[in-house]
C-alpha atoms as a PDB file:
ATOM      1  CA  MET A   1     131.340-107.906  -8.604  1.00  0.00           C
ATOM      2  CA  ARG A   2     130.326-109.165 -12.064  1.00  0.00           C
ATOM      3  CA  THR A   3     128.325-106.710 -14.069  1.00  0.00           C
ATOM      4  CA  LEU A   4     126.568-108.203 -17.125  1.00  0.00           C
ATOM      5  CA  VAL A   5     125.562-106.789 -20.438  1.00  0.00           C
ATOM      6  CA  VAL A   6     121.911-106.193 -20.042  1.00  0.00           C
ATOM      7  CA  LEU A   7     120.227-105.979 -16.558  1.00  0.00           C
ATOM      8  CA  SER A   8     116.954-107.362 -17.972  1.00  0.00           C
ATOM      9  CA  ALA A   9     118.790-110.617 -18.616  1.00  0.00           C
ATOM     10  CA  LEU A  10     120.598-110.931 -15.333  1.00  0.00           C
ATOM     11  CA  ALA A  11     118.670-113.899 -14.104  1.00  0.00           C
ATOM     12  CA  LEU A  12     119.711-115.852 -17.239  1.00  0.00           C
ATOM     13  CA  ILE A  13     123.219-114.831 -17.733  1.00  0.00           C
ATOM     14  CA  GLY A  14     124.458-114.841 -14.146  1.00  0.00           C
ATOM     15  CA  CYS A  15     124.731-117.728 -11.786  1.00  0.00           C
ATOM     16  CA  GLY A  16     123.677-120.686 -13.996  1.00  0.00           C
ATOM     17  CA  GLY A  17     123.470-124.160 -12.729  1.00  0.00           C
ATOM     18  CA  ASP A  18     120.286-123.816 -10.800  1.00  0.00           C
ATOM     19  CA  LYS A  19     117.545-126.096 -12.094  1.00  0.00           C
ATOM     20  CA  ALA A  20     115.621-122.856 -12.639  1.00  0.00           C
ATOM     21  CA  SER A  21     115.767-122.399 -16.305  1.00  0.00           C
ATOM     22  CA  ASP A  22     114.494-119.822 -18.681  1.00  0.00           C
ATOM     23  CA  THR A  23     111.235-121.114 -20.199  1.00  0.00           C
ATOM     24  CA  GLY A  24     109.762-119.478 -23.234  1.00  0.00           C
ATOM     25  CA  ASP A  25     112.969-117.650 -23.958  1.00  0.00           C
ATOM     26  CA  THR A  26     112.926-115.356 -26.957  1.00  0.00           C
ATOM     27  CA  SER A  27     116.394-113.717 -27.390  1.00  0.00           C
ATOM     28  CA  ALA A  28     118.588-112.063 -29.895  1.00  0.00           C
ATOM     29  CA  THR A  29     122.263-111.705 -29.607  1.00  0.00           C
ATOM     30  CA  THR A  30     124.660-109.178 -31.471  1.00  0.00           C
ATOM     31  CA  GLY A  31     128.321-109.512 -31.408  1.00  0.00           C
ATOM     32  CA  GLY A  32     131.042-107.039 -30.334  1.00  0.00           C
ATOM     33  CA  THR A  33     134.637-107.081 -29.398  1.00  0.00           C
ATOM     34  CA  ALA A  34     135.497-108.604 -25.883  1.00  0.00           C
ATOM     35  CA  GLY A  35     138.063-106.600 -24.185  1.00  0.00           C
ATOM     36  CA  GLY A  36     137.990-103.679 -26.454  1.00  0.00           C
ATOM     37  CA  GLY A  37     134.716-102.709 -27.998  1.00  0.00           C
ATOM     38  CA  THR A  38     131.033-103.095 -27.536  1.00  0.00           C
ATOM     39  CA  ALA A  39     129.923-106.170 -25.659  1.00  0.00           C
ATOM     40  CA  GLY A  40     127.505-108.735 -27.171  1.00  0.00           C
ATOM     41  CA  THR A  41     124.022-107.577 -26.263  1.00  0.00           C
ATOM     42  CA  THR A  42     121.084-109.991 -25.272  1.00  0.00           C
ATOM     43  CA  THR A  43     117.507-109.134 -24.868  1.00  0.00           C
ATOM     44  CA  SER A  44     115.033-111.627 -23.515  1.00  0.00           C
ATOM     45  CA  THR A  45     111.426-112.238 -22.585  1.00  0.00           C
ATOM     46  CA  THR A  46     111.166-115.095 -20.194  1.00  0.00           C
ATOM     47  CA  GLU A  47     109.179-116.943 -17.588  1.00  0.00           C
ATOM     48  CA  THR A  48     111.366-118.387 -14.752  1.00  0.00           C
ATOM     49  CA  GLU A  49     110.586-121.610 -12.993  1.00  0.00           C
ATOM     50  CA  VAL A  50     110.724-121.957  -9.239  1.00  0.00           C
ATOM     51  CA  ASP A  51     114.462-122.132  -8.045  1.00  0.00           C
ATOM     52  CA  ILE A  52     115.526-125.725  -7.250  1.00  0.00           C
ATOM     53  CA  PRO A  53     118.767-126.575  -5.517  1.00  0.00           C
ATOM     54  CA  GLY A  54     121.625-128.222  -7.288  1.00  0.00           C
ATOM     55  CA  GLY A  55     121.100-129.206 -10.805  1.00  0.00           C
ATOM     56  CA  LEU A  56     123.520-128.710 -13.786  1.00  0.00           C
ATOM     57  CA  ALA A  57     126.729-126.964 -12.972  1.00  0.00           C
ATOM     58  CA  VAL A  58     128.159-123.942 -14.793  1.00  0.00           C
ATOM     59  CA  ALA A  59     131.322-125.118 -16.614  1.00  0.00           C
ATOM     60  CA  PHE A  60     133.811-122.290 -16.101  1.00  0.00           C
ATOM     61  CA  ILE A  61     137.491-121.567 -16.598  1.00  0.00           C
ATOM     62  CA  PRO A  62     139.772-118.633 -17.134  1.00  0.00           C
ATOM     63  CA  HIS A  63     140.728-119.228 -20.735  1.00  0.00           C
ATOM     64  CA  THR A  64     143.224-117.682 -23.168  1.00  0.00           C
ATOM     65  CA  ILE A  65     142.344-117.452 -26.927  1.00  0.00           C
ATOM     66  CA  ALA A  66     144.682-116.599 -29.813  1.00  0.00           C
ATOM     67  CA  ALA A  67     144.095-114.569 -32.935  1.00  0.00           C
ATOM     68  CA  GLY A  68     142.094-116.589 -35.582  1.00  0.00           C
ATOM     69  CA  ALA A  69     140.010-119.659 -34.964  1.00  0.00           C
ATOM     70  CA  ASN A  70     139.805-121.195 -31.446  1.00  0.00           C
ATOM     71  CA  THR A  71     137.962-124.337 -30.595  1.00  0.00           C
ATOM     72  CA  ARG A  72     136.647-125.249 -27.072  1.00  0.00           C
ATOM     73  CA  ASP A  73     134.327-128.142 -26.487  1.00  0.00           C
ATOM     74  CA  ALA A  74     132.839-128.649 -22.931  1.00  0.00           C
ATOM     75  CA  LYS A  75     130.549-131.056 -21.113  1.00  0.00           C
ATOM     76  CA  VAL A  76     127.842-130.081 -18.776  1.00  0.00           C
ATOM     77  CA  LEU A  77     127.691-132.074 -15.476  1.00  0.00           C
ATOM     78  CA  ASP A  78     125.039-132.678 -12.897  1.00  0.00           C
ATOM     79  CA  MET A  79     125.747-131.690  -9.340  1.00  0.00           C
ATOM     80  CA  GLY A  80     122.774-133.664  -7.999  1.00  0.00           C
ATOM     81  CA  ASP A  81     120.018-132.390  -5.682  1.00  0.00           C
ATOM     82  CA  GLY A  82     121.936-129.932  -3.694  1.00  0.00           C
ATOM     83  CA  HIS A  83     122.804-129.790   0.062  1.00  0.00           C
ATOM     84  CA  MET A  84     120.552-127.509   2.160  1.00  0.00           C
ATOM     85  CA  LEU A  85     122.250-125.159   4.513  1.00  0.00           C
ATOM     86  CA  THR A  86     121.493-124.106   8.029  1.00  0.00           C
ATOM     87  CA  ALA A  87     122.315-121.070  10.128  1.00  0.00           C
ATOM     88  CA  ASP A  88     125.018-123.089  11.892  1.00  0.00           C
ATOM     89  CA  ARG A  89     127.873-124.332   9.872  1.00  0.00           C
ATOM     90  CA  GLN A  90     127.608-128.106   8.841  1.00  0.00           C
ATOM     91  CA  THR A  91     130.313-130.393   7.576  1.00  0.00           C
ATOM     92  CA  ILE A  92     129.183-131.519   4.313  1.00  0.00           C
ATOM     93  CA  GLU A  93     130.687-133.785   1.609  1.00  0.00           C
ATOM     94  CA  VAL A  94     129.401-131.824  -1.347  1.00  0.00           C
ATOM     95  CA  ALA A  95     131.091-134.031  -3.998  1.00  0.00           C
ATOM     96  CA  THR A  96     133.499-136.980  -4.283  1.00  0.00           C
ATOM     97  CA  ASN A  97     136.476-136.318  -2.038  1.00  0.00           C
ATOM     98  CA  LEU A  98     135.392-132.715  -1.239  1.00  0.00           C
ATOM     99  CA  THR A  99     134.098-131.621   2.125  1.00  0.00           C
ATOM    100  CA  LEU A 100     133.227-128.086   3.230  1.00  0.00           C
ATOM    101  CA  GLU A 101     132.348-126.503   6.575  1.00  0.00           C
ATOM    102  CA  VAL A 102     129.567-124.354   5.479  1.00  0.00           C
ATOM    103  CA  GLY A 103     126.451-122.428   6.610  1.00  0.00           C
ATOM    104  CA  LEU A 104     123.940-120.032   5.192  1.00  0.00           C
ATOM    105  CA  ASP A 105     125.976-116.952   5.952  1.00  0.00           C
ATOM    106  CA  ASP A 106     128.807-118.401   3.912  1.00  0.00           C
ATOM    107  CA  VAL A 107     126.873-118.308   0.605  1.00  0.00           C
ATOM    108  CA  GLU A 108     126.573-114.567  -0.252  1.00  0.00           C
ATOM    109  CA  PRO A 109     125.024-113.534  -3.570  1.00  0.00           C
ATOM    110  CA  PRO A 110     126.623-111.283  -6.249  1.00  0.00           C
ATOM    111  CA  MET A 111     124.985-107.977  -6.942  1.00  0.00           C
ATOM    112  CA  PHE A 112     121.443-108.263  -8.436  1.00  0.00           C
ATOM    113  CA  PHE A 113     120.983-111.958  -7.446  1.00  0.00           C
ATOM    114  CA  ASP A 114     118.931-113.638  -4.846  1.00  0.00           C
ATOM    115  CA  PRO A 115     120.295-115.392  -1.759  1.00  0.00           C
ATOM    116  CA  LYS A 116     120.549-119.256  -1.899  1.00  0.00           C
ATOM    117  CA  ASP A 117     120.121-121.703   0.854  1.00  0.00           C
ATOM    118  CA  TRP A 118     122.010-124.544  -0.755  1.00  0.00           C
ATOM    119  CA  ILE A 119     125.556-125.614  -1.949  1.00  0.00           C
ATOM    120  CA  ASP A 120     126.744-128.297  -4.269  1.00  0.00           C
ATOM    121  CA  ALA A 121     129.547-129.536  -6.435  1.00  0.00           C
ATOM    122  CA  VAL A 122     130.540-132.141  -8.826  1.00  0.00           C
ATOM    123  CA  GLN A 123     133.946-133.818  -9.383  1.00  0.00           C
ATOM    124  CA  VAL A 124     134.917-133.337 -13.031  1.00  0.00           C
ATOM    125  CA  PRO A 125     136.064-136.565 -14.563  1.00  0.00           C
ATOM    126  CA  GLU A 126     139.624-136.363 -16.101  1.00  0.00           C
ATOM    127  CA  PRO A 127     138.447-136.760 -19.812  1.00  0.00           C
ATOM    128  CA  ASP A 128     135.878-133.937 -19.322  1.00  0.00           C
ATOM    129  CA  ARG A 129     138.242-131.499 -17.716  1.00  0.00           C
ATOM    130  CA  LEU A 130     138.672-128.099 -19.456  1.00  0.00           C
ATOM    131  CA  PRO A 131     142.327-126.831 -19.724  1.00  0.00           C
ATOM    132  CA  VAL A 132     143.658-125.434 -16.549  1.00  0.00           C
ATOM    133  CA  GLU A 133     145.958-122.347 -17.076  1.00  0.00           C
ATOM    134  CA  LEU A 134     148.070-122.805 -13.951  1.00  0.00           C
ATOM    135  CA  ASN A 135     151.720-123.851 -13.370  1.00  0.00           C
ATOM    136  CA  GLY A 136     151.356-127.324 -12.072  1.00  0.00           C
ATOM    137  CA  THR A 137     150.046-130.838 -12.666  1.00  0.00           C
ATOM    138  CA  VAL A 138     146.299-131.073 -12.179  1.00  0.00           C
ATOM    139  CA  ILE A 139     145.236-133.537  -9.610  1.00  0.00           C
ATOM    140  CA  ASP A 140     141.557-133.026  -9.486  1.00  0.00           C
ATOM    141  CA  VAL A 141     138.950-130.445 -10.549  1.00  0.00           C
ATOM    142  CA  TRP A 142     135.283-129.728  -9.208  1.00  0.00           C
ATOM    143  CA  TYR A 143     132.591-127.473 -10.439  1.00  0.00           C
ATOM    144  CA  MET A 144     130.584-125.673  -7.626  1.00  0.00           C
ATOM    145  CA  GLY A 145     127.300-124.049  -7.287  1.00  0.00           C
ATOM    146  CA  PRO A 146     125.739-121.698  -6.787  1.00  0.00           C
ATOM    147  CA  PHE A 147     128.233-120.249  -9.260  1.00  0.00           C
ATOM    148  CA  ASP A 148     130.123-116.988  -8.423  1.00  0.00           C
ATOM    149  CA  TYR A 149     128.558-116.683  -5.050  1.00  0.00           C
ATOM    150  CA  HIS A 150     131.171-115.806  -2.364  1.00  0.00           C
ATOM    151  CA  SER A 151     131.968-116.029   1.337  1.00  0.00           C
ATOM    152  CA  SER A 152     133.461-113.141   3.326  1.00  0.00           C
ATOM    153  CA  ALA A 153     134.339-115.312   6.235  1.00  0.00           C
ATOM    154  CA  GLY A 154     135.818-118.131   4.029  1.00  0.00           C
ATOM    155  CA  ILE A 155     134.749-121.798   3.791  1.00  0.00           C
ATOM    156  CA  PRO A 156     137.140-124.354   5.237  1.00  0.00           C
ATOM    157  CA  VAL A 157     137.885-127.160   2.730  1.00  0.00           C
ATOM    158  CA  THR A 158     138.954-130.707   3.358  1.00  0.00           C
ATOM    159  CA  ILE A 159     139.868-133.010   0.534  1.00  0.00           C
ATOM    160  CA  ALA A 160     140.257-136.833   0.979  1.00  0.00           C
ATOM    161  CA  ASN A 161     143.789-137.802  -0.124  1.00  0.00           C
ATOM    162  CA  THR A 162     142.803-140.740  -2.297  1.00  0.00           C
ATOM    163  CA  TYR A 163     145.435-139.584  -4.779  1.00  0.00           C
ATOM    164  CA  GLY A 164     148.479-140.621  -2.606  1.00  0.00           C
ATOM    165  CA  VAL A 165     150.028-137.191  -2.879  1.00  0.00           C
ATOM    166  CA  ASP A 166     152.638-136.012  -0.282  1.00  0.00           C
ATOM    167  CA  PRO A 167     151.858-132.489   0.996  1.00  0.00           C
ATOM    168  CA  SER A 168     154.986-132.250   3.065  1.00  0.00           C
ATOM    169  CA  GLY A 169     156.902-130.506   0.425  1.00  0.00           C
ATOM    170  CA  GLY A 170     154.515-127.574   0.238  1.00  0.00           C
ATOM    171  CA  THR A 171     153.620-128.036  -3.444  1.00  0.00           C
ATOM    172  CA  ILE A 172     149.976-129.348  -3.193  1.00  0.00           C
ATOM    173  CA  GLU A 173     147.826-126.296  -3.676  1.00  0.00           C
ATOM    174  CA  LEU A 174     144.075-125.408  -4.172  1.00  0.00           C
ATOM    175  CA  TRP A 175     143.058-122.627  -6.565  1.00  0.00           C
ATOM    176  CA  VAL A 176     139.613-121.215  -7.435  1.00  0.00           C
ATOM    177  CA  GLY A 177     138.633-119.557 -10.777  1.00  0.00           C
ATOM    178  CA  SER A 178     137.500-116.050 -10.622  1.00  0.00           C
ATOM    179  CA  TYR A 179     134.968-114.838 -13.124  1.00  0.00           C
ATOM    180  CA  GLU A 180     135.663-111.216 -12.311  1.00  0.00           C
ATOM    181  CA  ALA A 181     139.420-111.401 -12.521  1.00  0.00           C
ATOM    182  CA  SER A 182     139.470-113.879 -15.517  1.00  0.00           C
ATOM    183  CA  GLY A 183     142.151-115.819 -13.590  1.00  0.00           C
ATOM    184  CA  TYR A 184     142.706-118.157 -10.623  1.00  0.00           C
ATOM    185  CA  ILE A 185     143.100-117.099  -6.971  1.00  0.00           C
ATOM    186  CA  LYS A 186     145.098-119.249  -4.647  1.00  0.00           C
ATOM    187  CA  VAL A 187     142.956-120.717  -1.771  1.00  0.00           C
ATOM    188  CA  GLY A 188     145.841-122.296   0.126  1.00  0.00           C
ATOM    189  CA  THR A 189     148.623-124.888   0.471  1.00  0.00           C
ATOM    190  CA  ALA A 190     147.855-128.287   1.732  1.00  0.00           C
ATOM    191  CA  SER A 191     148.991-130.266   4.775  1.00  0.00           C
ATOM    192  CA  ASP A 192     148.059-133.600   6.153  1.00  0.00           C
ATOM    193  CA  ASP A 193     145.489-133.728   8.922  1.00  0.00           C
ATOM    194  CA  GLY A 194     146.709-137.115  10.178  1.00  0.00           C
ATOM    195  CA  ALA A 195     143.486-138.771   9.102  1.00  0.00           C
ATOM    196  CA  GLY A 196     144.267-139.171   5.364  1.00  0.00           C
ATOM    197  CA  ASN A 197     142.901-135.829   4.354  1.00  0.00           C
ATOM    198  CA  LEU A 198     144.355-132.625   2.770  1.00  0.00           C
ATOM    199  CA  VAL A 199     143.557-129.451   4.683  1.00  0.00           C
ATOM    200  CA  PHE A 200     144.658-125.965   3.764  1.00  0.00           C
ATOM    201  CA  ASP A 201     146.102-122.909   5.158  1.00  0.00           C
ATOM    202  CA  GLY A 202     143.475-120.721   3.517  1.00  0.00           C
ATOM    203  CA  ASP A 203     139.734-120.801   3.085  1.00  0.00           C
ATOM    204  CA  LEU A 204     137.528-120.799   0.091  1.00  0.00           C
ATOM    205  CA  GLU A 205     135.996-117.267  -0.521  1.00  0.00           C
ATOM    206  CA  LEU A 206     134.496-117.968  -3.978  1.00  0.00           C
ATOM    207  CA  ILE A 207     131.971-120.594  -5.108  1.00  0.00           C
ATOM    208  CA  SER A 208     133.361-121.554  -8.565  1.00  0.00           C
ATOM    209  CA  THR A 209     135.674-124.039 -10.264  1.00  0.00           C
ATOM    210  CA  ILE A 210     138.303-125.303  -7.884  1.00  0.00           C
ATOM    211  CA  VAL A 211     141.465-127.025  -8.903  1.00  0.00           C
ATOM    212  CA  LEU A 212     143.890-129.179  -6.849  1.00  0.00           C
ATOM    213  CA  ILE A 213     147.390-129.069  -8.327  1.00  0.00           C
ATOM    214  CA  ASP A 214     150.950-130.085  -7.653  1.00  0.00           C
ATOM    215  CA  SER A 215     152.764-126.791  -8.388  1.00  0.00           C
ATOM    216  CA  GLU A 216     156.085-128.522  -9.120  1.00  0.00           C
ATOM    217  CA  GLY A 217     154.506-130.361 -12.074  1.00  0.00           C
ATOM    218  CA  GLN A 218     154.070-129.465 -15.803  1.00  0.00           C
ATOM    219  CA  SER A 219     153.470-125.870 -16.942  1.00  0.00           C
ATOM    220  CA  ASN A 220     149.961-125.572 -18.332  1.00  0.00           C
ATOM    221  CA  PRO A 221     149.491-121.984 -19.473  1.00  0.00           C
ATOM    222  CA  PRO A 222     149.719-121.538 -23.293  1.00  0.00           C
ATOM    223  CA  ALA A 223     153.096-120.447 -24.470  1.00  0.00           C
ATOM    224  CA  ASP A 224     151.867-117.916 -26.922  1.00  0.00           C
ATOM    225  CA  ALA A 225     148.264-116.790 -27.255  1.00  0.00           C
ATOM    226  CA  GLY A 226     149.042-113.350 -28.757  1.00  0.00           C
ATOM    227  CA  GLY A 227     148.814-112.224 -32.270  1.00  0.00           C
ATOM    228  CA  ASP A 228     146.902-109.468 -34.134  1.00  0.00           C
ATOM    229  CA  GLY A 229     143.488-109.530 -35.530  1.00  0.00           C
ATOM    230  CA  ASP A 230     140.112-110.831 -34.396  1.00  0.00           C
ATOM    231  CA  SER A 231     139.443-114.192 -32.726  1.00  0.00           C
ATOM    232  CA  THR A 232     136.657-116.623 -33.062  1.00  0.00           C
ATOM    233  CA  LEU A 233     135.642-119.240 -30.414  1.00  0.00           C
ATOM    234  CA  SER A 234     133.560-122.264 -31.341  1.00  0.00           C
ATOM    235  CA  GLY A 235     132.867-125.714 -30.240  1.00  0.00           C
ATOM    236  CA  VAL A 236     130.268-128.392 -29.117  1.00  0.00           C
ATOM    237  CA  ILE A 237     128.596-128.625 -25.764  1.00  0.00           C
ATOM    238  CA  THR A 238     127.395-131.964 -24.569  1.00  0.00           C
ATOM    239  CA  GLY A 239     125.145-132.909 -21.627  1.00  0.00           C
ATOM    240  CA  PRO A 240     125.785-135.316 -18.785  1.00  0.00           C
ATOM    241  CA  ASP A 241     124.903-138.240 -20.967  1.00  0.00           C
ATOM    242  CA  GLY A 242     127.333-137.177 -23.724  1.00  0.00           C
ATOM    243  CA  SER A 243     124.597-136.141 -26.188  1.00  0.00           C
ATOM    244  CA  PRO A 244     124.389-132.584 -27.790  1.00  0.00           C
ATOM    245  CA  TYR A 245     123.121-130.055 -25.352  1.00  0.00           C
ATOM    246  CA  GLU A 246     120.833-127.523 -27.061  1.00  0.00           C
ATOM    247  CA  GLY A 247     120.103-124.096 -25.503  1.00  0.00           C
ATOM    248  CA  ALA A 248     123.107-123.694 -23.328  1.00  0.00           C
ATOM    249  CA  ARG A 249     124.347-120.127 -23.021  1.00  0.00           C
ATOM    250  CA  VAL A 250     128.106-119.987 -23.855  1.00  0.00           C
ATOM    251  CA  GLN A 251     129.889-116.777 -22.747  1.00  0.00           C
ATOM    252  CA  TYR A 252     133.373-115.312 -23.217  1.00  0.00           C
ATOM    253  CA  CYS A 253     133.915-112.328 -20.981  1.00  0.00           C
ATOM    254  CA  ARG A 254     136.493-109.797 -19.934  1.00  0.00           C
ATOM    255  CA  GLY A 255     135.207-107.841 -16.907  1.00  0.00           C
ATOM    256  CA  ASP A 256     131.730-106.749 -17.863  1.00  0.00           C
ATOM    257  CA  ASN A 257     132.306-107.052 -21.460  1.00  0.00           C
ATOM    258  CA  CYS A 258     130.683-110.299 -22.630  1.00  0.00           C
ATOM    259  CA  LEU A 259     130.051-112.077 -25.985  1.00  0.00           C
ATOM    260  CA  THR A 260     127.329-114.675 -25.894  1.00  0.00           C
ATOM    261  CA  SER A 261     126.124-117.588 -28.036  1.00  0.00           C
ATOM    262  CA  ARG A 262     123.394-120.168 -27.631  1.00  0.00           C
ATOM    263  CA  THR A 263     124.079-123.768 -28.667  1.00  0.00           C
ATOM    264  CA  ASP A 264     121.938-125.275 -31.422  1.00  0.00           C
ATOM    265  CA  ALA A 265     120.453-128.626 -31.822  1.00  0.00           C
ATOM    266  CA  SER A 266     123.783-130.224 -32.497  1.00  0.00           C
ATOM    267  CA  GLY A 267     125.333-128.618 -29.369  1.00  0.00           C
ATOM    268  CA  ALA A 268     127.460-126.156 -31.506  1.00  0.00           C
ATOM    269  CA  TYR A 269     128.092-122.545 -30.714  1.00  0.00           C
ATOM    270  CA  GLU A 270     130.194-119.718 -32.185  1.00  0.00           C
ATOM    271  CA  ILE A 271     131.496-116.489 -30.573  1.00  0.00           C
ATOM    272  CA  THR A 272     132.825-113.976 -33.113  1.00  0.00           C
ATOM    273  CA  ASP A 273     134.542-110.599 -33.087  1.00  0.00           C
ATOM    274  CA  SER A 274     136.667-111.166 -29.976  1.00  0.00           C
ATOM    275  CA  SER A 275     140.253-110.355 -29.555  1.00  0.00           C
ATOM    276  CA  PRO A 276     143.279-112.386 -28.357  1.00  0.00           C
ATOM    277  CA  GLY A 277     143.985-112.731 -24.736  1.00  0.00           C
ATOM    278  CA  ILE A 278     142.740-114.175 -21.459  1.00  0.00           C
ATOM    279  CA  GLY A 279     139.106-114.067 -20.417  1.00  0.00           C
ATOM    280  CA  SER A 280     136.380-116.016 -18.667  1.00  0.00           C
ATOM    281  CA  PHE A 281     134.825-118.903 -20.624  1.00  0.00           C
ATOM    282  CA  GLU A 282     131.609-120.326 -19.150  1.00  0.00           C
ATOM    283  CA  VAL A 283     128.735-122.696 -20.193  1.00  0.00           C
ATOM    284  CA  ILE A 284     125.528-121.918 -18.449  1.00  0.00           C
ATOM    285  CA  PRO A 285     122.945-124.825 -18.845  1.00  0.00           C
END
């Protein structure tokens, strides 16, 4: 399970996307080397609002950076008001085209985090999608919350086939981004349920970014992200309305080694002293 840099900041760094935000935050960050040295360190004094379901989603992808300067912009999206869970599983359309069979026991918190009684998601418009490092043509993407929570039993997923894809060839797949692994985990291969929906031979065990792909399509992973020397990662974060988003926590992590930056009034951030390779990129509103 994810272990973050400073335990006193866990409520801020971890499962973002709740409307519970850090008010009166006073923090300082020092850089380090992701994947090889001392992680960035954040100390905070905060007051926390009452937890509210739904809200802004964590924008997350496993992401490879090269030596030298890397740029990654991102847009924060609103999941809405959240869908409250009950002890019995419900069939809930949590976002456009995306339906889950889910109950309270299917939303298990990571270590150090409180249980949640809601679930939500937002379909990512194509122009706002972050790069997906999987072999295949991306059909659709959703951000989910509460981010990085998990399900031991697995959550059945149904996706309305408004895309007109044919799953009979066994190439339509669902994948989920893993913060801990800095990579994607296959959920399952799709089939047609006879009612115009895609269903899968595996269940969702992690609440995170999910990607629907055609695995016979284009190859998306970067051809060469190696090289020697340090790496920097910078960009601009915008909010749901497209304006600069100030105060977002942007992280690049490998395992429990995280480098963190806060966006300024222009939405800009910069993470320095990293190293080439794949890690976990996330924007926590």
